[in-house]
Amino acid sequence: MSVDARIESLRAKHAQLETAIEVASHRPLPDTAHITDLKRQKLKVKEELESIHG
């Protein structure tokens, strides 16, 4: 996989996680453990993007 393709893949994953966090947060009884897990995943993706960009 090229670097550009990896970056696009990570950006898409980051956006999907952001959407999932928004949806989970607006439920009547939000599952905080699930939201925390999603946020951790999003942070890992962000850190990987930053490491690629240098």
PDB file of N, CA and C in Angstrom:
ATOM      1  N   MET A   1       0.850  -1.174   0.000  1.00  0.00           N
ATOM      2  CA  MET A   1       0.000   0.000   0.000  1.00  0.00           C
ATOM      3  C   MET A   1       0.894   1.236   0.000  1.00  0.00           C
ATOM      4  N   SER A   2       0.578   2.182  -0.873  1.00  0.00           N
ATOM      5  CA  SER A   2       1.361   3.404  -0.933  1.00  0.00           C
ATOM      6  C   SER A   2       1.083   4.275   0.294  1.00  0.00           C
ATOM      7  N   VAL A   3       1.963   5.220   0.524  1.00  0.00           N
ATOM      8  CA  VAL A   3       1.810   6.122   1.665  1.00  0.00           C
ATOM      9  C   VAL A   3       0.522   6.931   1.521  1.00  0.00           C
ATOM     10  N   ASP A   4       0.250   7.422   0.317  1.00  0.00           N
ATOM     11  CA  ASP A   4      -0.969   8.213   0.097  1.00  0.00           C
ATOM     12  C   ASP A   4      -2.227   7.389   0.365  1.00  0.00           C
ATOM     13  N   ALA A   5      -2.215   6.133  -0.061  1.00  0.00           N
ATOM     14  CA  ALA A   5      -3.364   5.259   0.177  1.00  0.00           C
ATOM     15  C   ALA A   5      -3.527   4.993   1.669  1.00  0.00           C
ATOM     16  N   ARG A   6      -2.415   4.815   2.369  1.00  0.00           N
ATOM     17  CA  ARG A   6      -2.478   4.581   3.817  1.00  0.00           C
ATOM     18  C   ARG A   6      -3.037   5.804   4.533  1.00  0.00           C
ATOM     19  N   ILE A   7      -2.604   6.982   4.123  1.00  0.00           N
ATOM     20  CA  ILE A   7      -3.092   8.223   4.728  1.00  0.00           C
ATOM     21  C   ILE A   7      -4.596   8.355   4.497  1.00  0.00           C
ATOM     22  N   GLU A   8      -5.054   8.097   3.282  1.00  0.00           N
ATOM     23  CA  GLU A   8      -6.483   8.181   2.988  1.00  0.00           C
ATOM     24  C   GLU A   8      -7.275   7.166   3.802  1.00  0.00           C
ATOM     25  N   SER A   9      -6.728   5.978   3.948  1.00  0.00           N
ATOM     26  CA  SER A   9      -7.379   4.936   4.742  1.00  0.00           C
ATOM     27  C   SER A   9      -7.505   5.363   6.201  1.00  0.00           C
ATOM     28  N   LEU A  10      -6.438   5.932   6.735  1.00  0.00           N
ATOM     29  CA  LEU A  10      -6.451   6.391   8.121  1.00  0.00           C
ATOM     30  C   LEU A  10      -7.417   7.556   8.309  1.00  0.00           C
ATOM     31  N   ARG A  11      -7.457   8.461   7.352  1.00  0.00           N
ATOM     32  CA  ARG A  11      -8.396   9.589   7.443  1.00  0.00           C
ATOM     33  C   ARG A  11      -9.839   9.105   7.421  1.00  0.00           C
ATOM     34  N   ALA A  12     -10.116   8.117   6.582  1.00  0.00           N
ATOM     35  CA  ALA A  12     -11.467   7.561   6.511  1.00  0.00           C
ATOM     36  C   ALA A  12     -11.825   6.882   7.836  1.00  0.00           C
ATOM     37  N   LYS A  13     -10.885   6.136   8.388  1.00  0.00           N
ATOM     38  CA  LYS A  13     -11.118   5.460   9.670  1.00  0.00           C
ATOM     39  C   LYS A  13     -11.364   6.494  10.767  1.00  0.00           C
ATOM     40  N   HIS A  14     -10.589   7.568  10.774  1.00  0.00           N
ATOM     41  CA  HIS A  14     -10.725   8.643  11.755  1.00  0.00           C
ATOM     42  C   HIS A  14     -12.127   9.253  11.664  1.00  0.00           C
ATOM     43  N   ALA A  15     -12.596   9.494  10.448  1.00  0.00           N
ATOM     44  CA  ALA A  15     -13.932  10.067  10.250  1.00  0.00           C
ATOM     45  C   ALA A  15     -15.018   9.096  10.705  1.00  0.00           C
ATOM     46  N   GLN A  16     -14.835   7.821  10.423  1.00  0.00           N
ATOM     47  CA  GLN A  16     -15.809   6.818  10.855  1.00  0.00           C
ATOM     48  C   GLN A  16     -15.887   6.764  12.374  1.00  0.00           C
ATOM     49  N   LEU A  17     -14.749   6.818  13.020  1.00  0.00           N
ATOM     50  CA  LEU A  17     -14.724   6.786  14.482  1.00  0.00           C
ATOM     51  C   LEU A  17     -15.381   8.036  15.060  1.00  0.00           C
ATOM     52  N   GLU A  18     -15.138   9.189  14.456  1.00  0.00           N
ATOM     53  CA  GLU A  18     -15.753  10.435  14.913  1.00  0.00           C
ATOM     54  C   GLU A  18     -17.278  10.328  14.826  1.00  0.00           C
ATOM     55  N   THR A  19     -17.764   9.789  13.731  1.00  0.00           N
ATOM     56  CA  THR A  19     -19.212   9.600  13.559  1.00  0.00           C
ATOM     57  C   THR A  19     -19.754   8.630  14.602  1.00  0.00           C
ATOM     58  N   ALA A  20     -19.044   7.539  14.826  1.00  0.00           N
ATOM     59  CA  ALA A  20     -19.476   6.542  15.811  1.00  0.00           C
ATOM     60  C   ALA A  20     -19.524   7.143  17.215  1.00  0.00           C
ATOM     61  N   ILE A  21     -18.550   7.993  17.535  1.00  0.00           N
ATOM     62  CA  ILE A  21     -18.523   8.659  18.840  1.00  0.00           C
ATOM     63  C   ILE A  21     -19.729   9.585  18.979  1.00  0.00           C
ATOM     64  N   GLU A  22     -20.021  10.356  17.936  1.00  0.00           N
ATOM     65  CA  GLU A  22     -21.165  11.264  17.961  1.00  0.00           C
ATOM     66  C   GLU A  22     -22.469  10.497  18.162  1.00  0.00           C
ATOM     67  N   VAL A  23     -22.634   9.425  17.421  1.00  0.00           N
ATOM     68  CA  VAL A  23     -23.863   8.632  17.516  1.00  0.00           C
ATOM     69  C   VAL A  23     -23.993   8.044  18.920  1.00  0.00           C
ATOM     70  N   ALA A  24     -22.909   7.454  19.413  1.00  0.00           N
ATOM     71  CA  ALA A  24     -22.941   6.816  20.736  1.00  0.00           C
ATOM     72  C   ALA A  24     -23.181   7.850  21.843  1.00  0.00           C
ATOM     73  N   SER A  25     -22.646   9.029  21.678  1.00  0.00           N
ATOM     74  CA  SER A  25     -22.787  10.074  22.699  1.00  0.00           C
ATOM     75  C   SER A  25     -24.204  10.617  22.808  1.00  0.00           C
ATOM     76  N   HIS A  26     -24.953  10.540  21.717  1.00  0.00           N
ATOM     77  CA  HIS A  26     -26.294  11.119  21.705  1.00  0.00           C
ATOM     78  C   HIS A  26     -27.399  10.103  21.958  1.00  0.00           C
ATOM     79  N   ARG A  27     -27.038   8.921  22.354  1.00  0.00           N
ATOM     80  CA  ARG A  27     -28.045   7.932  22.721  1.00  0.00           C
ATOM     81  C   ARG A  27     -28.624   8.297  24.084  1.00  0.00           C
ATOM     82  N   PRO A  28     -29.830   7.849  24.368  1.00  0.00           N
ATOM     83  CA  PRO A  28     -30.448   8.169  25.661  1.00  0.00           C
ATOM     84  C   PRO A  28     -29.613   7.703  26.864  1.00  0.00           C
ATOM     85  N   LEU A  29     -29.005   6.548  26.766  1.00  0.00           N
ATOM     86  CA  LEU A  29     -28.132   6.042  27.827  1.00  0.00           C
ATOM     87  C   LEU A  29     -26.778   5.690  27.217  1.00  0.00           C
ATOM     88  N   PRO A  30     -25.901   6.686  27.057  1.00  0.00           N
ATOM     89  CA  PRO A  30     -24.614   6.434  26.403  1.00  0.00           C
ATOM     90  C   PRO A  30     -23.773   5.413  27.172  1.00  0.00           C
ATOM     91  N   ASP A  31     -23.153   4.518  26.435  1.00  0.00           N
ATOM     92  CA  ASP A  31     -22.241   3.526  27.000  1.00  0.00           C
ATOM     93  C   ASP A  31     -20.856   4.170  27.071  1.00  0.00           C
ATOM     94  N   THR A  32     -20.508   4.686  28.233  1.00  0.00           N
ATOM     95  CA  THR A  32     -19.258   5.437  28.368  1.00  0.00           C
ATOM     96  C   THR A  32     -18.024   4.578  28.098  1.00  0.00           C
ATOM     97  N   ALA A  33     -18.082   3.303  28.437  1.00  0.00           N
ATOM     98  CA  ALA A  33     -16.941   2.415  28.170  1.00  0.00           C
ATOM     99  C   ALA A  33     -16.731   2.273  26.661  1.00  0.00           C
ATOM    100  N   HIS A  34     -17.809   2.132  25.934  1.00  0.00           N
ATOM    101  CA  HIS A  34     -17.728   2.010  24.469  1.00  0.00           C
ATOM    102  C   HIS A  34     -17.206   3.313  23.859  1.00  0.00           C
ATOM    103  N   ILE A  35     -17.704   4.439  24.336  1.00  0.00           N
ATOM    104  CA  ILE A  35     -17.264   5.738  23.831  1.00  0.00           C
ATOM    105  C   ILE A  35     -15.775   5.933  24.114  1.00  0.00           C
ATOM    106  N   THR A  36     -15.334   5.562  25.294  1.00  0.00           N
ATOM    107  CA  THR A  36     -13.920   5.676  25.644  1.00  0.00           C
ATOM    108  C   THR A  36     -13.066   4.816  24.721  1.00  0.00           C
ATOM    109  N   ASP A  37     -13.525   3.610  24.428  1.00  0.00           N
ATOM    110  CA  ASP A  37     -12.799   2.728  23.517  1.00  0.00           C
ATOM    111  C   ASP A  37     -12.706   3.349  22.125  1.00  0.00           C
ATOM    112  N   LEU A  38     -13.805   3.906  21.648  1.00  0.00           N
ATOM    113  CA  LEU A  38     -13.797   4.555  20.338  1.00  0.00           C
ATOM    114  C   LEU A  38     -12.815   5.731  20.318  1.00  0.00           C
ATOM    115  N   LYS A  39     -12.791   6.503  21.388  1.00  0.00           N
ATOM    116  CA  LYS A  39     -11.873   7.645  21.468  1.00  0.00           C
ATOM    117  C   LYS A  39     -10.422   7.191  21.471  1.00  0.00           C
ATOM    118  N   ARG A  40     -10.138   6.086  22.132  1.00  0.00           N
ATOM    119  CA  ARG A  40      -8.768   5.545  22.135  1.00  0.00           C
ATOM    120  C   ARG A  40      -8.360   5.106  20.733  1.00  0.00           C
ATOM    121  N   GLN A  41      -9.281   4.447  20.041  1.00  0.00           N
ATOM    122  CA  GLN A  41      -9.005   4.021  18.665  1.00  0.00           C
ATOM    123  C   GLN A  41      -8.739   5.235  17.774  1.00  0.00           C
ATOM    124  N   LYS A  42      -9.559   6.267  17.953  1.00  0.00           N
ATOM    125  CA  LYS A  42      -9.404   7.487  17.161  1.00  0.00           C
ATOM    126  C   LYS A  42      -8.049   8.142  17.434  1.00  0.00           C
ATOM    127  N   LEU A  43      -7.645   8.152  18.692  1.00  0.00           N
ATOM    128  CA  LEU A  43      -6.355   8.731  19.053  1.00  0.00           C
ATOM    129  C   LEU A  43      -5.205   7.952  18.411  1.00  0.00           C
ATOM    130  N   LYS A  44      -5.295   6.626  18.403  1.00  0.00           N
ATOM    131  CA  LYS A  44      -4.252   5.814  17.771  1.00  0.00           C
ATOM    132  C   LYS A  44      -4.139   6.122  16.286  1.00  0.00           C
ATOM    133  N   VAL A  45      -5.290   6.290  15.633  1.00  0.00           N
ATOM    134  CA  VAL A  45      -5.288   6.626  14.208  1.00  0.00           C
ATOM    135  C   VAL A  45      -4.641   7.995  14.012  1.00  0.00           C
ATOM    136  N   LYS A  46      -5.003   8.960  14.846  1.00  0.00           N
ATOM    137  CA  LYS A  46      -4.434  10.304  14.748  1.00  0.00           C
ATOM    138  C   LYS A  46      -2.921  10.272  14.951  1.00  0.00           C
ATOM    139  N   GLU A  47      -2.469   9.509  15.937  1.00  0.00           N
ATOM    140  CA  GLU A  47      -1.033   9.404  16.198  1.00  0.00           C
ATOM    141  C   GLU A  47      -0.304   8.773  15.014  1.00  0.00           C
ATOM    142  N   GLU A  48      -0.919   7.769  14.389  1.00  0.00           N
ATOM    143  CA  GLU A  48      -0.293   7.149  13.227  1.00  0.00           C
ATOM    144  C   GLU A  48      -0.220   8.136  12.061  1.00  0.00           C
ATOM    145  N   LEU A  49      -1.284   8.906  11.869  1.00  0.00           N
ATOM    146  CA  LEU A  49      -1.258   9.940  10.813  1.00  0.00           C
ATOM    147  C   LEU A  49      -0.138  10.957  11.066  1.00  0.00           C
ATOM    148  N   GLU A  50      -0.005  11.380  12.311  1.00  0.00           N
ATOM    149  CA  GLU A  50       1.035  12.346  12.652  1.00  0.00           C
ATOM    150  C   GLU A  50       2.424  11.766  12.460  1.00  0.00           C
ATOM    151  N   SER A  51       2.606  10.480  12.750  1.00  0.00           N
ATOM    152  CA  SER A  51       3.923   9.869  12.572  1.00  0.00           C
ATOM    153  C   SER A  51       4.285   9.764  11.088  1.00  0.00           C
ATOM    154  N   ILE A  52       3.282   9.584  10.230  1.00  0.00           N
ATOM    155  CA  ILE A  52       3.538   9.523   8.796  1.00  0.00           C
ATOM    156  C   ILE A  52       3.931  10.897   8.271  1.00  0.00           C
ATOM    157  N   HIS A  53       3.251  11.915   8.764  1.00  0.00           N
ATOM    158  CA  HIS A  53       3.528  13.284   8.300  1.00  0.00           C
ATOM    159  C   HIS A  53       4.848  13.827   8.851  1.00  0.00           C
ATOM    160  N   GLY A  54       5.339  13.210   9.905  1.00  0.00           N
ATOM    161  CA  GLY A  54       6.608  13.631  10.477  1.00  0.00           C
ATOM    162  C   GLY A  54       6.480  14.825  11.250  1.00  0.00           C
TER     163      GLY A  54
END
